[in-house]
């Protein structure tokens, strides 16, 4: 006989697969927690600097003097017309 025939016709339906749903939820949460943990820890390693600079002297240099502005040109007097 079939398994369906063994059940009473008026019996309530079988409960849904609750154990499988709980197992999938726990698995999904474990994957999410693992991804978050990896995402936080991926940058904790100390990386060597990509660029290095070597200072040859710590003496500050004097700034260059400011450029002297040339004096403004004096306006030339306008020629006056000569009487004819």
PDB file of N, CA and C in Angstrom:
ATOM      1  N   UNK A   1       0.812  -1.190   0.000  1.00  0.00           N
ATOM      2  CA  UNK A   1       0.000   0.000   0.000  1.00  0.00           C
ATOM      3  C   UNK A   1       0.852   1.247   0.000  1.00  0.00           C
ATOM      4  N   UNK A   2       0.233   2.295  -0.439  1.00  0.00           N
ATOM      5  CA  UNK A   2       0.929   3.574  -0.475  1.00  0.00           C
ATOM      6  C   UNK A   2       0.890   4.244   0.895  1.00  0.00           C
ATOM      7  N   UNK A   3       1.821   5.175   1.102  1.00  0.00           N
ATOM      8  CA  UNK A   3       1.881   5.872   2.380  1.00  0.00           C
ATOM      9  C   UNK A   3       0.665   6.774   2.554  1.00  0.00           C
ATOM     10  N   UNK A   4       0.125   7.294   1.482  1.00  0.00           N
ATOM     11  CA  UNK A   4      -1.048   8.154   1.586  1.00  0.00           C
ATOM     12  C   UNK A   4      -2.265   7.356   2.043  1.00  0.00           C
ATOM     13  N   UNK A   5      -2.331   6.132   1.645  1.00  0.00           N
ATOM     14  CA  UNK A   5      -3.469   5.306   2.022  1.00  0.00           C
ATOM     15  C   UNK A   5      -3.438   4.961   3.505  1.00  0.00           C
ATOM     16  N   UNK A   6      -2.262   4.990   4.135  1.00  0.00           N
ATOM     17  CA  UNK A   6      -2.138   4.666   5.552  1.00  0.00           C
ATOM     18  C   UNK A   6      -2.695   5.778   6.433  1.00  0.00           C
ATOM     19  N   UNK A   7      -2.748   6.976   5.944  1.00  0.00           N
ATOM     20  CA  UNK A   7      -3.225   8.108   6.753  1.00  0.00           C
ATOM     21  C   UNK A   7      -4.750   8.185   6.693  1.00  0.00           C
ATOM     22  N   UNK A   8      -5.281   8.662   7.760  1.00  0.00           N
ATOM     23  CA  UNK A   8      -6.729   8.841   7.812  1.00  0.00           C
ATOM     24  C   UNK A   8      -7.120   9.993   6.905  1.00  0.00           C
ATOM     25  N   UNK A   9      -8.224   9.862   6.267  1.00  0.00           N
ATOM     26  CA  UNK A   9      -8.662  10.877   5.314  1.00  0.00           C
ATOM     27  C   UNK A   9      -8.955  12.193   6.012  1.00  0.00           C
ATOM     28  N   UNK A  10      -9.421  12.155   7.236  1.00  0.00           N
ATOM     29  CA  UNK A  10      -9.808  13.367   7.945  1.00  0.00           C
ATOM     30  C   UNK A  10      -8.725  13.865   8.912  1.00  0.00           C
ATOM     31  N   UNK A  11      -7.583  13.266   8.875  1.00  0.00           N
ATOM     32  CA  UNK A  11      -6.481  13.693   9.749  1.00  0.00           C
ATOM     33  C   UNK A  11      -5.927  15.021   9.227  1.00  0.00           C
ATOM     34  N   UNK A  12      -5.413  15.849  10.119  1.00  0.00           N
ATOM     35  CA  UNK A  12      -4.826  17.114   9.667  1.00  0.00           C
ATOM     36  C   UNK A  12      -3.600  16.841   8.804  1.00  0.00           C
ATOM     37  N   UNK A  13      -3.268  17.779   7.956  1.00  0.00           N
ATOM     38  CA  UNK A  13      -2.105  17.557   7.088  1.00  0.00           C
ATOM     39  C   UNK A  13      -0.820  17.470   7.903  1.00  0.00           C
ATOM     40  N   UNK A  14       0.162  16.830   7.319  1.00  0.00           N
ATOM     41  CA  UNK A  14       1.445  16.694   8.004  1.00  0.00           C
ATOM     42  C   UNK A  14       2.093  18.068   8.150  1.00  0.00           C
ATOM     43  N   UNK A  15       2.794  18.263   9.230  1.00  0.00           N
ATOM     44  CA  UNK A  15       3.463  19.568   9.402  1.00  0.00           C
ATOM     45  C   UNK A  15       4.514  19.757   8.309  1.00  0.00           C
ATOM     46  N   UNK A  16       4.709  20.981   7.910  1.00  0.00           N
ATOM     47  CA  UNK A  16       5.717  21.216   6.870  1.00  0.00           C
ATOM     48  C   UNK A  16       7.106  20.824   7.369  1.00  0.00           C
ATOM     49  N   UNK A  17       8.018  20.765   6.468  1.00  0.00           N
ATOM     50  CA  UNK A  17       9.384  20.327   6.788  1.00  0.00           C
ATOM     51  C   UNK A  17      10.078  21.387   7.630  1.00  0.00           C
ATOM     52  N   UNK A  18       9.712  21.427   8.898  1.00  0.00           N
ATOM     53  CA  UNK A  18      10.225  22.464   9.795  1.00  0.00           C
ATOM     54  C   UNK A  18      11.713  22.259  10.084  1.00  0.00           C
ATOM     55  N   UNK A  19      12.125  21.033  10.227  1.00  0.00           N
ATOM     56  CA  UNK A  19      13.528  20.755  10.535  1.00  0.00           C
ATOM     57  C   UNK A  19      14.427  21.201   9.380  1.00  0.00           C
ATOM     58  N   UNK A  20      14.000  20.946   8.164  1.00  0.00           N
ATOM     59  CA  UNK A  20      14.791  21.362   7.005  1.00  0.00           C
ATOM     60  C   UNK A  20      14.857  22.890   6.915  1.00  0.00           C
ATOM     61  N   UNK A  21      13.761  23.573   7.209  1.00  0.00           N
ATOM     62  CA  UNK A  21      13.746  25.034   7.171  1.00  0.00           C
ATOM     63  C   UNK A  21      14.684  25.620   8.223  1.00  0.00           C
ATOM     64  N   UNK A  22      14.669  25.050   9.413  1.00  0.00           N
ATOM     65  CA  UNK A  22      15.558  25.533  10.478  1.00  0.00           C
ATOM     66  C   UNK A  22      17.013  25.285  10.098  1.00  0.00           C
ATOM     67  N   UNK A  23      17.299  24.125   9.531  1.00  0.00           N
ATOM     68  CA  UNK A  23      18.675  23.816   9.132  1.00  0.00           C
ATOM     69  C   UNK A  23      19.158  24.779   8.045  1.00  0.00           C
ATOM     70  N   UNK A  24      18.303  25.084   7.076  1.00  0.00           N
ATOM     71  CA  UNK A  24      18.696  26.036   6.027  1.00  0.00           C
ATOM     72  C   UNK A  24      18.896  27.440   6.589  1.00  0.00           C
ATOM     73  N   UNK A  25      18.065  27.852   7.540  1.00  0.00           N
ATOM     74  CA  UNK A  25      18.221  29.171   8.156  1.00  0.00           C
ATOM     75  C   UNK A  25      19.533  29.261   8.930  1.00  0.00           C
ATOM     76  N   UNK A  26      19.864  28.213   9.676  1.00  0.00           N
ATOM     77  CA  UNK A  26      21.127  28.196  10.427  1.00  0.00           C
ATOM     78  C   UNK A  26      22.310  28.223   9.465  1.00  0.00           C
ATOM     79  N   UNK A  27      22.227  27.465   8.387  1.00  0.00           N
ATOM     80  CA  UNK A  27      23.300  27.453   7.395  1.00  0.00           C
ATOM     81  C   UNK A  27      23.471  28.828   6.743  1.00  0.00           C
ATOM     82  N   UNK A  28      22.364  29.466   6.384  1.00  0.00           N
ATOM     83  CA  UNK A  28      22.446  30.794   5.765  1.00  0.00           C
ATOM     84  C   UNK A  28      23.048  31.808   6.730  1.00  0.00           C
ATOM     85  N   UNK A  29      22.652  31.758   7.996  1.00  0.00           N
ATOM     86  CA  UNK A  29      23.218  32.690   8.975  1.00  0.00           C
ATOM     87  C   UNK A  29      24.704  32.420   9.201  1.00  0.00           C
ATOM     88  N   UNK A  30      25.097  31.169   9.215  1.00  0.00           N
ATOM     89  CA  UNK A  30      26.518  30.843   9.383  1.00  0.00           C
ATOM     90  C   UNK A  30      27.335  31.377   8.208  1.00  0.00           C
ATOM     91  N   UNK A  31      26.800  31.259   7.005  1.00  0.00           N
ATOM     92  CA  UNK A  31      27.508  31.797   5.832  1.00  0.00           C
ATOM     93  C   UNK A  31      27.608  33.315   5.920  1.00  0.00           C
ATOM     94  N   UNK A  32      26.534  33.978   6.323  1.00  0.00           N
ATOM     95  CA  UNK A  32      26.571  35.437   6.455  1.00  0.00           C
ATOM     96  C   UNK A  32      27.559  35.885   7.529  1.00  0.00           C
ATOM     97  N   UNK A  33      27.569  35.212   8.660  1.00  0.00           N
ATOM     98  CA  UNK A  33      28.515  35.569   9.727  1.00  0.00           C
ATOM     99  C   UNK A  33      29.946  35.339   9.257  1.00  0.00           C
ATOM    100  N   UNK A  34      30.181  34.250   8.548  1.00  0.00           N
ATOM    101  CA  UNK A  34      31.525  33.999   8.007  1.00  0.00           C
ATOM    102  C   UNK A  34      31.944  35.067   7.010  1.00  0.00           C
ATOM    103  N   UNK A  35      31.030  35.485   6.141  1.00  0.00           N
ATOM    104  CA  UNK A  35      31.356  36.525   5.159  1.00  0.00           C
ATOM    105  C   UNK A  35      31.639  37.853   5.846  1.00  0.00           C
ATOM    106  N   UNK A  36      30.864  38.198   6.859  1.00  0.00           N
ATOM    107  CA  UNK A  36      31.112  39.442   7.592  1.00  0.00           C
ATOM    108  C   UNK A  36      32.444  39.396   8.333  1.00  0.00           C
ATOM    109  N   UNK A  37      32.758  38.262   8.932  1.00  0.00           N
ATOM    110  CA  UNK A  37      34.032  38.125   9.636  1.00  0.00           C
ATOM    111  C   UNK A  37      35.196  38.258   8.670  1.00  0.00           C
ATOM    112  N   UNK A  38      35.110  37.625   7.522  1.00  0.00           N
ATOM    113  CA  UNK A  38      36.174  37.737   6.521  1.00  0.00           C
ATOM    114  C   UNK A  38      36.262  39.166   5.997  1.00  0.00           C
ATOM    115  N   UNK A  39      35.136  39.824   5.815  1.00  0.00           N
ATOM    116  CA  UNK A  39      35.136  41.194   5.315  1.00  0.00           C
ATOM    117  C   UNK A  39      35.778  42.167   6.285  1.00  0.00           C
ATOM    118  N   UNK A  40      35.639  41.918   7.568  1.00  0.00           N
ATOM    119  CA  UNK A  40      36.244  42.803   8.560  1.00  0.00           C
ATOM    120  C   UNK A  40      37.732  42.508   8.702  1.00  0.00           C
ATOM    121  N   UNK A  41      38.132  41.257   8.622  1.00  0.00           N
ATOM    122  CA  UNK A  41      39.518  40.865   8.867  1.00  0.00           C
ATOM    123  C   UNK A  41      40.411  40.904   7.639  1.00  0.00           C
ATOM    124  N   UNK A  42      39.910  41.176   6.474  1.00  0.00           N
ATOM    125  CA  UNK A  42      40.748  41.074   5.275  1.00  0.00           C
ATOM    126  C   UNK A  42      41.801  42.164   5.215  1.00  0.00           C
ATOM    127  N   UNK A  43      41.619  43.285   5.912  1.00  0.00           N
ATOM    128  CA  UNK A  43      42.565  44.388   5.831  1.00  0.00           C
ATOM    129  C   UNK A  43      43.417  44.519   7.089  1.00  0.00           C
ATOM    130  N   UNK A  44      43.451  43.529   7.958  1.00  0.00           N
ATOM    131  CA  UNK A  44      44.218  43.654   9.192  1.00  0.00           C
ATOM    132  C   UNK A  44      45.695  43.345   9.004  1.00  0.00           C
ATOM    133  N   UNK A  45      46.087  42.764   7.883  1.00  0.00           N
ATOM    134  CA  UNK A  45      47.505  42.463   7.683  1.00  0.00           C
ATOM    135  C   UNK A  45      48.267  43.752   7.390  1.00  0.00           C
ATOM    136  N   UNK A  46      49.508  43.799   7.876  1.00  0.00           N
ATOM    137  CA  UNK A  46      50.336  44.982   7.695  1.00  0.00           C
ATOM    138  C   UNK A  46      50.970  44.914   6.309  1.00  0.00           C
ATOM    139  N   UNK A  47      50.688  45.906   5.513  1.00  0.00           N
ATOM    140  CA  UNK A  47      51.259  45.962   4.175  1.00  0.00           C
ATOM    141  C   UNK A  47      52.488  46.865   4.184  1.00  0.00           C
ATOM    142  N   UNK A  48      53.487  46.501   3.400  1.00  0.00           N
ATOM    143  CA  UNK A  48      54.675  47.337   3.272  1.00  0.00           C
ATOM    144  C   UNK A  48      54.303  48.583   2.470  1.00  0.00           C
ATOM    145  N   UNK A  49      54.881  49.719   2.819  1.00  0.00           N
ATOM    146  CA  UNK A  49      54.545  50.932   2.061  1.00  0.00           C
ATOM    147  C   UNK A  49      55.005  50.806   0.613  1.00  0.00           C
ATOM    148  N   UNK A  50      54.245  51.371  -0.276  1.00  0.00           N
ATOM    149  CA  UNK A  50      54.554  51.272  -1.704  1.00  0.00           C
ATOM    150  C   UNK A  50      55.639  52.272  -2.098  1.00  0.00           C
ATOM    151  N   UNK A  51      55.766  53.370  -1.362  1.00  0.00           N
ATOM    152  CA  UNK A  51      56.730  54.414  -1.698  1.00  0.00           C
ATOM    153  C   UNK A  51      57.559  54.719  -0.455  1.00  0.00           C
ATOM    154  N   UNK A  52      58.858  54.883  -0.651  1.00  0.00           N
ATOM    155  CA  UNK A  52      59.723  55.274   0.450  1.00  0.00           C
ATOM    156  C   UNK A  52      60.427  56.569   0.074  1.00  0.00           C
ATOM    157  N   UNK A  53      60.662  57.414   1.055  1.00  0.00           N
ATOM    158  CA  UNK A  53      61.362  58.674   0.827  1.00  0.00           C
ATOM    159  C   UNK A  53      62.538  58.753   1.791  1.00  0.00           C
ATOM    160  N   UNK A  54      63.649  59.264   1.298  1.00  0.00           N
ATOM    161  CA  UNK A  54      64.833  59.412   2.126  1.00  0.00           C
ATOM    162  C   UNK A  54      65.126  60.899   2.271  1.00  0.00           C
ATOM    163  N   UNK A  55      65.160  61.369   3.521  1.00  0.00           N
ATOM    164  CA  UNK A  55      65.451  62.774   3.778  1.00  0.00           C
ATOM    165  C   UNK A  55      66.957  62.935   3.915  1.00  0.00           C
ATOM    166  N   UNK A  56      67.536  63.832   3.128  1.00  0.00           N
ATOM    167  CA  UNK A  56      68.980  64.033   3.164  1.00  0.00           C
ATOM    168  C   UNK A  56      69.385  65.074   4.185  1.00  0.00           C
ATOM    169  N   UNK A  57      68.556  66.054   4.428  1.00  0.00           N
ATOM    170  CA  UNK A  57      68.880  67.046   5.450  1.00  0.00           C
ATOM    171  C   UNK A  57      67.580  67.546   6.058  1.00  0.00           C
ATOM    172  N   UNK A  58      67.677  67.880   7.330  1.00  0.00           N
ATOM    173  CA  UNK A  58      66.502  68.368   8.031  1.00  0.00           C
ATOM    174  C   UNK A  58      66.529  69.882   8.153  1.00  0.00           C
ATOM    175  N   UNK A  59      67.478  70.537   7.459  1.00  0.00           N
ATOM    176  CA  UNK A  59      67.609  71.987   7.552  1.00  0.00           C
ATOM    177  C   UNK A  59      66.581  72.628   6.620  1.00  0.00           C
ATOM    178  N   UNK A  60      65.759  73.522   7.143  1.00  0.00           N
ATOM    179  CA  UNK A  60      64.797  74.182   6.260  1.00  0.00           C
ATOM    180  C   UNK A  60      65.511  75.163   5.328  1.00  0.00           C
ATOM    181  N   UNK A  61      65.021  75.269   4.125  1.00  0.00           N
ATOM    182  CA  UNK A  61      65.619  76.180   3.151  1.00  0.00           C
ATOM    183  C   UNK A  61      64.879  77.507   3.176  1.00  0.00           C
ATOM    184  N   UNK A  62      65.639  78.573   2.907  1.00  0.00           N
ATOM    185  CA  UNK A  62      65.040  79.902   2.886  1.00  0.00           C
ATOM    186  C   UNK A  62      64.260  80.074   1.589  1.00  0.00           C
ATOM    187  N   UNK A  63      63.131  80.697   1.706  1.00  0.00           N
ATOM    188  CA  UNK A  63      62.294  80.915   0.530  1.00  0.00           C
ATOM    189  C   UNK A  63      62.950  81.939  -0.387  1.00  0.00           C
ATOM    190  N   UNK A  64      62.675  81.828  -1.660  1.00  0.00           N
ATOM    191  CA  UNK A  64      63.219  82.776  -2.639  1.00  0.00           C
ATOM    192  C   UNK A  64      62.607  84.152  -2.388  1.00  0.00           C
ATOM    193  N   UNK A  65      63.396  85.213  -2.637  1.00  0.00           N
ATOM    194  CA  UNK A  65      62.844  86.555  -2.416  1.00  0.00           C
ATOM    195  C   UNK A  65      61.717  86.833  -3.413  1.00  0.00           C
ATOM    196  N   UNK A  66      60.823  87.691  -2.989  1.00  0.00           N
ATOM    197  CA  UNK A  66      59.704  88.034  -3.862  1.00  0.00           C
ATOM    198  C   UNK A  66      60.204  88.874  -5.031  1.00  0.00           C
ATOM    199  N   UNK A  67      59.564  88.678  -6.155  1.00  0.00           N
ATOM    200  CA  UNK A  67      59.940  89.440  -7.347  1.00  0.00           C
ATOM    201  C   UNK A  67      59.542  90.904  -7.160  1.00  0.00           C
ATOM    202  N   UNK A  68      60.452  91.785  -7.589  1.00  0.00           N
ATOM    203  CA  UNK A  68      60.186  93.218  -7.467  1.00  0.00           C
ATOM    204  C   UNK A  68      59.325  93.630  -8.657  1.00  0.00           C
ATOM    205  N   UNK A  69      58.237  94.320  -8.364  1.00  0.00           N
ATOM    206  CA  UNK A  69      57.361  94.761  -9.441  1.00  0.00           C
ATOM    207  C   UNK A  69      57.988  95.970 -10.130  1.00  0.00           C
ATOM    208  N   UNK A  70      57.968  95.995 -11.452  1.00  0.00           N
ATOM    209  CA  UNK A  70      58.514  97.164 -12.142  1.00  0.00           C
ATOM    210  C   UNK A  70      57.617  98.373 -11.878  1.00  0.00           C
ATOM    211  N   UNK A  71      58.229  99.571 -11.845  1.00  0.00           N
ATOM    212  CA  UNK A  71      57.410 100.763 -11.573  1.00  0.00           C
ATOM    213  C   UNK A  71      56.416 100.992 -12.712  1.00  0.00           C
ATOM    214  N   UNK A  72      55.297 101.555 -12.349  1.00  0.00           N
ATOM    215  CA  UNK A  72      54.264 101.822 -13.351  1.00  0.00           C
ATOM    216  C   UNK A  72      54.776 102.885 -14.323  1.00  0.00           C
ATOM    217  N   UNK A  73      54.508 102.747 -15.615  1.00  0.00           N
ATOM    218  CA  UNK A  73      54.992 103.746 -16.576  1.00  0.00           C
ATOM    219  C   UNK A  73      54.277 105.080 -16.355  1.00  0.00           C
ATOM    220  N   UNK A  74      55.051 106.126 -16.507  1.00  0.00           N
ATOM    221  CA  UNK A  74      54.463 107.464 -16.339  1.00  0.00           C
ATOM    222  C   UNK A  74      53.711 107.813 -17.614  1.00  0.00           C
ATOM    223  N   UNK A  75      52.550 108.404 -17.479  1.00  0.00           N
ATOM    224  CA  UNK A  75      51.792 108.745 -18.684  1.00  0.00           C
ATOM    225  C   UNK A  75      52.487 109.877 -19.449  1.00  0.00           C
ATOM    226  N   UNK A  76      52.510 109.712 -20.754  1.00  0.00           N
ATOM    227  CA  UNK A  76      53.131 110.754 -21.593  1.00  0.00           C
ATOM    228  C   UNK A  76      52.143 111.905 -21.749  1.00  0.00           C
ATOM    229  N   UNK A  77      52.652 113.133 -21.760  1.00  0.00           N
ATOM    230  CA  UNK A  77      51.739 114.275 -21.938  1.00  0.00           C
ATOM    231  C   UNK A  77      51.176 114.276 -23.363  1.00  0.00           C
ATOM    232  N   UNK A  78      49.919 114.662 -23.471  1.00  0.00           N
ATOM    233  CA  UNK A  78      49.291 114.716 -24.781  1.00  0.00           C
ATOM    234  C   UNK A  78      49.838 115.930 -25.538  1.00  0.00           C
ATOM    235  N   UNK A  79      50.130 115.748 -26.808  1.00  0.00           N
ATOM    236  CA  UNK A  79      50.614 116.918 -27.576  1.00  0.00           C
ATOM    237  C   UNK A  79      49.480 117.917 -27.779  1.00  0.00           C
ATOM    238  N   UNK A  80      49.814 119.166 -27.557  1.00  0.00           N
ATOM    239  CA  UNK A  80      48.805 120.214 -27.738  1.00  0.00           C
ATOM    240  C   UNK A  80      48.806 120.661 -29.195  1.00  0.00           C
ATOM    241  N   UNK A  81      47.644 120.939 -29.737  1.00  0.00           N
ATOM    242  CA  UNK A  81      47.621 121.390 -31.137  1.00  0.00           C
ATOM    243  C   UNK A  81      48.249 122.789 -31.267  1.00  0.00           C
ATOM    244  N   UNK A  82      48.963 122.958 -32.321  1.00  0.00           N
ATOM    245  CA  UNK A  82      49.582 124.272 -32.568  1.00  0.00           C
ATOM    246  C   UNK A  82      48.588 125.156 -33.310  1.00  0.00           C
ATOM    247  N   UNK A  83      48.507 126.425 -32.930  1.00  0.00           N
ATOM    248  CA  UNK A  83      47.574 127.313 -33.649  1.00  0.00           C
ATOM    249  C   UNK A  83      48.069 127.561 -35.072  1.00  0.00           C
ATOM    250  N   UNK A  84      47.209 127.615 -36.002  1.00  0.00           N
ATOM    251  CA  UNK A  84      47.591 127.818 -37.385  1.00  0.00           C
ATOM    252  C   UNK A  84      47.529 129.232 -37.822  1.00  0.00           C
TER     253      UNK A  84
END
